[in-house]
Structures are given as C-alpha cells and as structure tokens.
Amino acid sequence: QVQLVESGGGSVQAGGSLRLFCAASGRTISNYRTGWFRQAPGKEREFVAAIRWRGGSTYYADSVKGRFTISRDNAKNIMYLQMNGLKPEDTAVYYCAAGPPSSYGYSLSGSYAYWGQGTQVTVSS
C-alpha cells in the first residue's frame, strides 16, 4: 500500500503562484508513475502533469504547459507541483496519484492505483 498526502493549496489572485506537495509513505515507489490531477465543480477529473519516479521524464496537459512544473525528491519521497501564472480556470481540487508501471498513458486516471485526499486551489480574477 502507498499513502499519499497533499498540501500547499490555498487562494491566490490570477497571475500568482502556489506550490503543491505530495508526500508518499508505505511501500517504495521508486519505479512508480506519479502525477497530479484536478477536478473542478461539475467537471470530470482531468490530468495535469506526471513524472516517472525513476528517470524523471515529465508529461503535461496542454492547458498547463509552460506554467506548471512537476518534480520529485527521491530521498524524501515527495512530489511537487509548482504552479505559476495561475488563472481562474485553474481553480479545482488537486489530487496526487501514484501507480505501478503500466502500458496505459500517463493521462489516464485509471492507470493510477493510489490517490491522495486532495487539496483545494482557488484562483480569483
């Protein structure tokens, strides 16, 4: 089992920045895929970014490319999401996720077995 706990959410004005944290505990995730998803009210959960824990390859949704940066600290078992240039449409609950290697695409929520409880991000105009 893997436990994931997010933190770092909050309220900012448009153009501001936030940094989200996802702390992983339990079994090792050294070869896992890890990522961030978000869900706005009345909308489906959508992919934001992903990173391979081993190797560090990154993947981004087009809507956040160039504004968000995903990274991880292997030693601390923490994943980060640096969010710059925030827009009101980025308002959502953000979830971190982790899962064993899979042939499915990184953007598919079904390819992740473990999820955090979510952290709210609110961007005002």
Protein backbone atom coordinates (compact mmCIF):
# COMPACT_ATOMS: atom_id res chain seq x y z
CA GLN A 1 0.00 0.00 0.00
CA VAL A 2 1.01 3.58 -0.68
CA GLN A 3 -0.33 6.53 1.27
CA LEU A 4 -0.34 9.96 -0.38
CA VAL A 5 -0.92 13.25 1.43
CA GLU A 6 -1.20 16.56 -0.42
CA SER A 7 -0.61 20.02 0.98
CA GLY A 8 0.10 23.54 -0.22
CA GLY A 9 -3.25 24.50 -1.65
CA GLY A 10 -4.82 27.89 -1.00
CA SER A 11 -6.29 31.02 -2.52
CA VAL A 12 -4.39 33.36 -4.82
CA GLN A 13 -5.15 36.06 -7.33
CA ALA A 14 -4.76 35.50 -11.03
CA GLY A 15 -1.13 35.58 -12.05
CA GLY A 16 0.03 34.31 -8.68
CA SER A 17 1.88 31.15 -7.75
CA LEU A 18 1.39 28.16 -5.50
CA ARG A 19 3.46 25.07 -4.80
CA LEU A 20 1.74 21.80 -4.04
CA PHE A 21 3.36 18.96 -2.13
CA CYS A 22 2.57 15.26 -2.17
CA ALA A 23 4.22 13.13 0.50
CA ALA A 24 4.32 9.39 -0.15
CA SER A 25 4.68 6.71 2.51
CA GLY A 26 4.28 2.96 2.71
CA ARG A 27 5.85 0.76 0.10
CA THR A 28 8.58 2.08 -2.14
CA ILE A 29 7.51 3.97 -5.23
CA SER A 30 10.97 4.05 -6.78
CA ASN A 31 9.73 2.73 -10.13
CA TYR A 32 6.19 4.10 -10.00
CA ARG A 33 4.48 6.64 -12.17
CA THR A 34 3.23 9.62 -10.20
CA GLY A 35 1.08 12.52 -11.23
CA TRP A 36 -1.32 15.32 -10.47
CA PHE A 37 -4.96 15.50 -11.47
CA ARG A 38 -7.58 18.13 -10.72
CA GLN A 39 -11.35 18.31 -10.53
CA ALA A 40 -13.39 21.49 -10.74
CA PRO A 41 -17.01 21.65 -9.54
CA GLY A 42 -19.32 19.98 -12.00
CA LYS A 43 -16.47 18.72 -14.16
CA GLU A 44 -14.68 15.42 -14.56
CA ARG A 45 -11.28 14.80 -13.06
CA GLU A 46 -8.58 15.80 -15.53
CA PHE A 47 -4.89 15.13 -15.96
CA VAL A 48 -2.47 17.92 -15.06
CA ALA A 49 1.06 16.50 -15.03
CA ALA A 50 3.01 13.30 -14.44
CA ILE A 51 6.57 12.26 -13.70
CA ARG A 52 8.34 8.94 -13.80
CA TRP A 53 9.86 8.46 -10.37
CA ARG A 54 12.84 6.72 -11.92
CA GLY A 55 14.38 8.76 -14.69
CA GLY A 56 12.27 11.84 -14.16
CA SER A 57 10.54 12.07 -17.54
CA THR A 58 7.69 14.57 -17.33
CA TYR A 59 4.35 14.95 -19.07
CA TYR A 60 1.93 17.89 -19.02
CA ALA A 61 -1.57 18.74 -20.09
CA ASP A 62 -1.59 21.39 -22.82
CA SER A 63 -3.56 23.72 -20.55
CA VAL A 64 -0.72 23.96 -18.01
CA LYS A 65 2.35 23.51 -20.21
CA GLY A 66 4.80 26.34 -19.66
CA ARG A 67 3.13 27.42 -16.41
CA PHE A 68 3.31 24.34 -14.16
CA THR A 69 6.37 22.27 -13.29
CA ILE A 70 6.28 18.80 -11.76
CA SER A 71 9.27 17.45 -9.87
CA ARG A 72 10.15 14.99 -7.13
CA ASP A 73 12.67 14.43 -4.37
CA ASN A 74 13.56 10.75 -4.36
CA ALA A 75 15.25 10.85 -0.98
CA LYS A 76 12.27 12.48 0.73
CA ASN A 77 9.59 10.66 -1.27
CA ILE A 78 7.90 13.97 -2.05
CA MET A 79 6.41 15.14 -5.34
CA TYR A 80 5.90 18.81 -6.11
CA LEU A 81 3.75 20.84 -8.46
CA GLN A 82 4.97 24.40 -8.93
CA MET A 83 2.14 26.45 -10.39
CA ASN A 84 2.93 29.86 -11.85
CA GLY A 85 0.78 32.25 -13.82
CA LEU A 86 -2.36 30.86 -12.23
CA LYS A 87 -5.68 31.54 -13.93
CA PRO A 88 -9.24 31.38 -12.56
CA GLU A 89 -9.81 28.27 -14.68
CA ASP A 90 -7.11 26.51 -12.65
CA THR A 91 -9.48 26.56 -9.67
CA ALA A 92 -10.08 22.95 -8.60
CA VAL A 93 -9.29 20.29 -6.05
CA TYR A 94 -5.87 18.92 -6.91
CA TYR A 95 -5.07 15.26 -6.30
CA CYS A 96 -1.76 13.45 -6.41
CA ALA A 97 -1.69 9.89 -7.63
CA ALA A 98 0.75 7.01 -7.90
CA GLY A 99 0.76 3.63 -9.55
CA PRO A 100 3.00 0.80 -10.72
CA PRO A 101 4.38 0.83 -14.25
CA SER A 102 1.65 0.50 -16.82
CA SER A 103 1.22 0.35 -20.57
CA TYR A 104 -1.59 2.88 -20.29
CA GLY A 105 -1.00 6.54 -20.93
CA TYR A 106 0.09 8.83 -18.13
CA SER A 107 -3.00 10.98 -18.53
CA LEU A 108 -5.42 8.16 -17.74
CA SER A 109 -6.63 8.28 -14.14
CA GLY A 110 -7.35 4.55 -14.25
CA SER A 111 -3.65 3.82 -14.57
CA TYR A 112 -3.02 5.09 -11.02
CA ALA A 113 -3.78 2.82 -8.07
CA TYR A 114 -3.26 5.23 -5.19
CA TRP A 115 -4.72 8.70 -4.59
CA GLY A 116 -4.41 11.43 -2.02
CA GLN A 117 -7.33 13.20 -0.37
CA GLY A 118 -6.98 16.37 -2.45
CA THR A 119 -6.10 19.98 -1.76
CA GLN A 120 -8.15 22.99 -2.84
CA VAL A 121 -6.69 25.63 -5.15
CA THR A 122 -8.76 28.77 -5.72
CA VAL A 123 -7.70 31.47 -8.17
CA SER A 124 -9.62 34.74 -8.16
CA SER A 125 -9.72 37.21 -11.02
